[in-house]
Amino acid sequence: MQKSNYIILLFLLALMSCKNDKELKPTLPTEGNTIISVDESFAPIIEEQATAFMNRFPKAKIKINFKAEDRCWQDLDDSTVDMIITTKMLTQKEIDYYKSINKYEFSRDVLAYDAMVLIVNKASADTIMTEKDVKEMLLGQKFTGKKIVVDGTSATSTVRYIMDSILRQKEVPKTIKGLKSNEDVIDFVSKTPNAVGFIGYSWIGNPDNPKHQVALKKVSIVNMQSRRDEKDFVKPNYGNIAKGRYPYYRNITYILKENVEGVASGLRNWMMYERGQLVFKRAGFFPGKMNFKIRKVNLK
């Protein structure tokens, strides 16, 4: 081999080696950028989690798209995001489908449990209800003068929860009016004496959140009949979900597309372990991964 050809060969091998090193260079869960899509019902709590994570790891940048649940799933299909957070877990059929396309299984699990909250106007006397009351109200069989409002009409997790878990039917009743967002639901109920709104706990349940304190001055949370004792009517909170008292709750789940750990994986890890789980707990959610004990104390 001529000397000049030998030098060219070495140069090409070096370039290939550099390229391979670049391709094999691992990403970091605490440095870099990621884009995720999140069900709008969970916007306040996931924004709080992401802010806490980025404050701890300032080299990590997270862009969050808050959308209706079906739009989050569309993003998963379109490969525009690294992770989605919704209420729905993958079915086995969906697991197999995504694995056939991507050649690996998406990581997925429950992060915490969120309450579905009913709110009424401050002037309303209907601040306690049973599950039977709620179902009959949605079907127009009781409280017929009520204006029932939710965040959307067909695409949101709130509507899907009402249809799947409360009514157990596919058709959305004509009694339900869809508004643009959870904030719009709170605003409408605050101005409409005969209104009942369905919202995620993330929008009203955290006593340390100033926006929630303002909202609670405008509307009242409905106490639901306890599933443990029919004489009790309980609020939607961490303790009542944990003890099986409050009837309406749902998963906060993640579906992670990253096959190697990047910032989306870092955020997932943060939310799954102690610090993130404590953020959920302090905001009133029931943590899905860590067991925090509930104890009675007497303050003196």
Protein backbone atom coordinates (compact mmCIF):
# COMPACT_ATOMS: atom_id res chain seq x y z
CA MET A 1 0.00 0.00 0.00
CA GLN A 2 1.32 3.42 -0.94
CA LYS A 3 2.12 5.75 1.96
CA SER A 4 -0.45 8.35 0.84
CA ASN A 5 -3.22 5.72 0.69
CA TYR A 6 -2.22 4.44 4.13
CA ILE A 7 -2.51 7.95 5.61
CA ILE A 8 -5.97 8.41 4.02
CA LEU A 9 -7.10 5.07 5.47
CA LEU A 10 -5.94 6.05 8.96
CA PHE A 11 -7.73 9.40 8.61
CA LEU A 12 -11.01 7.68 7.63
CA LEU A 13 -10.72 5.22 10.51
CA ALA A 14 -10.17 8.11 12.92
CA LEU A 15 -13.26 9.88 11.61
CA MET A 16 -15.33 6.72 12.02
CA SER A 17 -14.02 6.29 15.56
CA CYS A 18 -14.95 9.88 16.45
CA LYS A 19 -18.41 9.41 14.98
CA ASN A 20 -18.95 6.19 16.93
CA ASP A 21 -17.72 7.82 20.14
CA LYS A 22 -20.19 10.65 19.58
CA GLU A 23 -23.06 8.23 18.97
CA LEU A 24 -22.16 6.17 22.04
CA LYS A 25 -21.71 9.18 24.33
CA PRO A 26 -24.37 8.76 27.04
CA THR A 27 -26.89 11.48 27.74
CA LEU A 28 -27.30 12.73 31.30
CA PRO A 29 -30.51 12.77 33.36
CA THR A 30 -29.55 16.10 34.97
CA GLU A 31 -28.14 18.03 31.99
CA GLY A 32 -29.67 18.98 28.67
CA ASN A 33 -33.14 19.58 27.29
CA THR A 34 -36.38 17.65 27.02
CA ILE A 35 -39.97 18.19 25.90
CA ILE A 36 -42.87 16.45 27.60
CA SER A 37 -46.66 16.58 27.21
CA VAL A 38 -48.87 16.62 30.31
CA ASP A 39 -52.60 16.29 30.83
CA GLU A 40 -53.84 19.81 31.64
CA SER A 41 -55.64 18.43 34.71
CA PHE A 42 -52.25 17.95 36.35
CA ALA A 43 -50.65 21.24 35.25
CA PRO A 44 -50.06 22.83 38.70
CA ILE A 45 -48.51 19.77 40.37
CA ILE A 46 -46.31 18.72 37.42
CA GLU A 47 -45.16 22.31 36.94
CA GLU A 48 -44.21 22.34 40.62
CA GLN A 49 -42.30 19.06 40.25
CA ALA A 50 -40.44 20.26 37.13
CA THR A 51 -39.54 23.58 38.78
CA ALA A 52 -38.18 21.81 41.85
CA PHE A 53 -36.15 19.45 39.64
CA MET A 54 -34.67 22.28 37.54
CA ASN A 55 -33.84 24.29 40.68
CA ARG A 56 -31.91 21.28 41.97
CA PHE A 57 -30.28 20.63 38.58
CA PRO A 58 -29.93 24.00 36.80
CA LYS A 59 -28.33 22.46 33.69
CA ALA A 60 -31.57 20.57 32.98
CA LYS A 61 -34.23 22.37 30.92
CA ILE A 62 -37.77 21.01 30.62
CA LYS A 63 -40.41 22.32 28.21
CA ILE A 64 -43.91 21.19 29.15
CA ASN A 65 -46.88 21.18 26.79
CA PHE A 66 -50.13 21.11 28.78
CA LYS A 67 -52.87 19.55 26.66
CA ALA A 68 -56.03 17.47 26.65
CA GLU A 69 -55.29 13.80 27.30
CA ASP A 70 -55.86 12.64 23.71
CA ARG A 71 -53.43 15.28 22.42
CA CYS A 72 -50.75 13.94 24.76
CA TRP A 73 -51.23 10.48 23.25
CA GLN A 74 -51.00 11.97 19.79
CA ASP A 75 -47.64 13.47 20.74
CA LEU A 76 -46.52 10.01 21.87
CA ASP A 77 -47.45 8.65 18.44
CA ASP A 78 -45.85 11.55 16.58
CA SER A 79 -42.51 11.19 18.44
CA THR A 80 -42.50 14.90 19.34
CA VAL A 81 -41.91 14.36 23.07
CA ASP A 82 -39.77 12.22 25.37
CA MET A 83 -42.49 11.54 27.94
CA ILE A 84 -46.21 12.03 28.53
CA ILE A 85 -48.08 12.23 31.85
CA THR A 86 -51.78 11.34 31.82
CA THR A 87 -54.28 9.18 33.73
CA LYS A 88 -54.18 6.24 31.33
CA MET A 89 -51.79 3.29 31.39
CA LEU A 90 -50.74 1.39 28.29
CA THR A 91 -52.75 -1.73 27.47
CA GLN A 92 -50.86 -4.88 26.49
CA LYS A 93 -51.93 -4.29 22.90
CA GLU A 94 -50.43 -0.78 23.01
CA ILE A 95 -47.25 -2.06 24.67
CA ASP A 96 -46.80 -4.57 21.85
CA TYR A 97 -47.57 -1.94 19.20
CA TYR A 98 -45.03 0.59 20.42
CA LYS A 99 -42.42 -2.13 20.96
CA SER A 100 -42.85 -3.33 17.36
CA ILE A 101 -42.18 0.20 16.09
CA ASN A 102 -39.43 1.29 18.47
CA LYS A 103 -37.81 -2.12 19.18
CA TYR A 104 -37.98 -1.57 22.95
CA GLU A 105 -40.67 -1.24 25.63
CA PHE A 106 -41.60 2.18 26.95
CA SER A 107 -41.10 2.61 30.69
CA ARG A 108 -44.40 3.35 32.45
CA ASP A 109 -45.81 3.41 35.98
CA VAL A 110 -48.09 5.21 38.44
CA LEU A 111 -46.55 8.27 40.11
CA ALA A 112 -49.41 9.26 42.43
CA TYR A 113 -53.19 9.30 42.78
CA ASP A 114 -55.28 12.39 42.04
CA ALA A 115 -58.80 13.11 43.31
CA MET A 116 -61.62 14.15 41.01
CA VAL A 117 -63.18 17.15 42.75
CA LEU A 118 -66.72 18.51 42.57
CA ILE A 119 -67.06 22.24 43.20
CA VAL A 120 -70.13 24.43 43.70
CA ASN A 121 -70.83 28.13 44.05
CA LYS A 122 -70.39 29.66 47.50
CA ALA A 123 -74.13 30.34 47.62
CA SER A 124 -75.03 26.68 46.99
CA ALA A 125 -76.41 24.52 49.79
CA ASP A 126 -75.44 21.30 47.95
CA THR A 127 -72.07 20.78 49.59
CA ILE A 128 -72.51 17.08 50.41
CA MET A 129 -73.40 14.35 47.90
CA THR A 130 -73.50 10.59 47.51
CA GLU A 131 -72.21 8.70 44.48
CA LYS A 132 -75.85 8.00 43.59
CA ASP A 133 -76.59 11.74 43.70
CA VAL A 134 -73.72 12.48 41.33
CA LYS A 135 -74.67 9.79 38.83
CA GLU A 136 -78.33 10.86 38.78
CA MET A 137 -77.32 14.52 38.45
CA LEU A 138 -75.11 13.74 35.44
CA LEU A 139 -77.95 11.81 33.82
CA GLY A 140 -80.43 14.63 34.45
CA GLN A 141 -82.48 12.58 36.92
CA LYS A 142 -81.73 14.73 39.99
CA PHE A 143 -80.72 18.34 40.67
CA THR A 144 -82.21 19.06 37.25
CA GLY A 145 -81.58 22.81 37.49
CA LYS A 146 -77.82 22.39 37.80
CA LYS A 147 -75.39 23.56 35.14
CA ILE A 148 -72.65 20.90 35.03
CA VAL A 149 -69.32 22.03 33.60
CA VAL A 150 -66.06 20.20 32.84
CA ASP A 151 -62.77 20.97 31.09
CA GLY A 152 -63.73 19.88 27.56
CA THR A 153 -66.41 17.69 26.02
CA SER A 154 -64.76 14.55 24.64
CA ALA A 155 -60.97 14.61 24.74
CA THR A 156 -60.00 15.23 28.36
CA SER A 157 -59.23 12.83 31.17
CA THR A 158 -61.97 14.44 33.27
CA VAL A 159 -64.64 13.57 30.73
CA ARG A 160 -63.19 10.08 30.26
CA TYR A 161 -63.26 9.53 34.04
CA ILE A 162 -66.91 10.59 34.24
CA MET A 163 -67.85 8.26 31.40
CA ASP A 164 -65.72 5.25 32.43
CA SER A 165 -65.74 5.39 36.23
CA ILE A 166 -68.93 7.22 37.26
CA LEU A 167 -71.49 6.59 34.51
CA ARG A 168 -69.89 3.53 32.89
CA GLN A 169 -71.19 4.48 29.46
CA LYS A 170 -69.70 5.84 26.23
CA GLU A 171 -72.02 8.69 25.32
CA VAL A 172 -71.48 12.08 27.00
CA PRO A 173 -74.78 13.26 28.55
CA LYS A 174 -76.32 16.45 27.20
CA THR A 175 -76.35 17.76 30.78
CA ILE A 176 -72.57 18.35 30.62
CA LYS A 177 -71.13 21.56 29.20
CA GLY A 178 -67.48 21.65 28.18
CA LEU A 179 -65.28 24.65 28.93
CA LYS A 180 -61.74 25.35 27.79
CA SER A 181 -59.82 24.58 30.99
CA ASN A 182 -59.97 23.83 34.70
CA GLU A 183 -59.48 27.53 35.41
CA ASP A 184 -62.53 28.31 33.27
CA VAL A 185 -64.54 25.75 35.24
CA ILE A 186 -63.60 27.43 38.54
CA ASP A 187 -64.44 30.87 37.14
CA PHE A 188 -67.81 29.73 35.74
CA VAL A 189 -68.85 28.06 39.01
CA SER A 190 -67.80 31.11 41.04
CA LYS A 191 -70.17 33.27 38.98
CA THR A 192 -73.07 30.82 38.59
CA PRO A 193 -75.07 29.94 41.73
CA ASN A 194 -76.56 26.71 40.30
CA ALA A 195 -73.37 25.38 38.73
CA VAL A 196 -71.43 22.19 39.56
CA GLY A 197 -67.92 21.76 38.22
CA PHE A 198 -65.65 18.74 37.90
CA ILE A 199 -61.92 19.53 38.16
CA GLY A 200 -58.63 17.86 39.06
CA TYR A 201 -57.44 18.19 42.67
CA SER A 202 -54.24 19.72 41.31
CA TRP A 203 -56.18 22.95 40.65
CA ILE A 204 -57.64 23.57 44.08
CA GLY A 205 -56.39 21.18 46.77
CA ASN A 206 -52.99 22.52 47.86
CA PRO A 207 -53.37 24.78 50.94
CA ASP A 208 -49.85 26.16 50.38
CA ASN A 209 -50.62 27.33 46.84
CA PRO A 210 -51.78 31.01 46.78
CA LYS A 211 -53.87 30.43 43.63
CA HIS A 212 -55.72 27.61 45.35
CA GLN A 213 -56.41 29.81 48.37
CA VAL A 214 -57.95 32.40 46.03
CA ALA A 215 -60.04 29.72 44.29
CA LEU A 216 -61.37 28.39 47.61
CA LYS A 217 -62.69 31.85 48.42
CA LYS A 218 -64.76 31.71 45.22
CA VAL A 219 -66.11 28.13 45.29
CA SER A 220 -66.79 25.32 47.76
CA ILE A 221 -65.58 21.72 47.50
CA VAL A 222 -68.30 19.08 47.73
CA ASN A 223 -67.84 16.48 50.46
CA MET A 224 -68.59 12.97 49.17
CA GLN A 225 -70.14 10.12 51.13
CA SER A 226 -67.39 7.88 52.46
CA ARG A 227 -67.03 4.40 51.01
CA ARG A 228 -66.00 3.19 54.46
CA ASP A 229 -68.86 4.69 56.49
CA GLU A 230 -72.04 5.93 54.82
CA LYS A 231 -72.66 8.36 57.68
CA ASP A 232 -69.42 10.20 56.89
CA PHE A 233 -68.94 12.80 54.15
CA VAL A 234 -65.30 13.42 53.33
CA LYS A 235 -63.13 15.84 51.41
CA PRO A 236 -60.83 14.82 48.54
CA ASN A 237 -57.37 14.61 50.06
CA TYR A 238 -54.36 12.37 50.58
CA GLY A 239 -55.61 10.70 53.75
CA ASN A 240 -59.10 9.95 52.48
CA ILE A 241 -57.77 8.47 49.25
CA ALA A 242 -55.17 6.42 51.15
CA LYS A 243 -57.81 4.97 53.50
CA GLY A 244 -60.34 4.26 50.74
CA ARG A 245 -62.86 6.83 51.94
CA TYR A 246 -63.06 9.25 49.04
CA PRO A 247 -64.69 7.57 46.00
CA TYR A 248 -63.36 9.53 43.03
CA TYR A 249 -59.64 9.22 42.32
CA ARG A 250 -57.43 8.30 39.37
CA ASN A 251 -53.83 7.54 38.46
CA ILE A 252 -51.17 10.06 37.54
CA THR A 253 -49.06 7.93 35.21
CA TYR A 254 -45.97 8.51 33.10
CA ILE A 255 -45.01 6.89 29.81
CA LEU A 256 -41.34 7.42 29.02
CA LYS A 257 -39.99 7.01 25.48
CA GLU A 258 -36.29 7.49 26.23
CA ASN A 259 -34.27 4.33 25.68
CA VAL A 260 -31.19 5.90 27.29
CA GLU A 261 -31.38 8.18 30.30
CA GLY A 262 -31.90 11.83 29.45
CA VAL A 263 -33.57 14.73 31.25
CA ALA A 264 -37.05 13.18 30.91
CA SER A 265 -35.71 10.12 32.74
CA GLY A 266 -34.21 12.41 35.35
CA LEU A 267 -37.56 14.08 35.98
CA ARG A 268 -39.25 10.67 36.12
CA ASN A 269 -36.72 9.49 38.70
CA TRP A 270 -37.21 12.67 40.73
CA MET A 271 -40.99 12.19 40.88
CA MET A 272 -40.74 8.48 41.70
CA TYR A 273 -38.40 8.79 44.66
CA GLU A 274 -38.51 10.51 48.04
CA ARG A 275 -38.27 14.20 47.11
CA GLY A 276 -40.81 14.06 44.32
CA GLN A 277 -43.12 11.78 46.27
CA LEU A 278 -43.03 14.26 49.15
CA VAL A 279 -43.97 17.05 46.72
CA PHE A 280 -47.04 15.01 45.74
CA LYS A 281 -47.91 14.31 49.38
CA ARG A 282 -47.54 17.91 50.55
CA ALA A 283 -49.79 19.03 47.71
CA GLY A 284 -52.48 16.61 48.92
CA PHE A 285 -51.95 13.71 46.50
CA PHE A 286 -51.56 10.08 47.51
CA PRO A 287 -48.00 9.08 46.50
CA GLY A 288 -47.92 6.04 44.26
CA LYS A 289 -44.40 4.76 44.94
CA MET A 290 -43.50 5.46 48.57
CA ASN A 291 -45.42 4.56 51.70
CA PHE A 292 -45.74 7.56 54.00
CA LYS A 293 -47.47 6.65 57.25
CA ILE A 294 -50.49 8.57 58.51
CA ARG A 295 -50.38 9.15 62.25
CA LYS A 296 -52.70 10.92 64.65
CA VAL A 297 -51.04 13.53 66.85
CA ASN A 298 -52.25 15.64 69.74
CA LEU A 299 -50.96 19.20 69.68
CA LYS A 300 -50.52 20.92 73.03
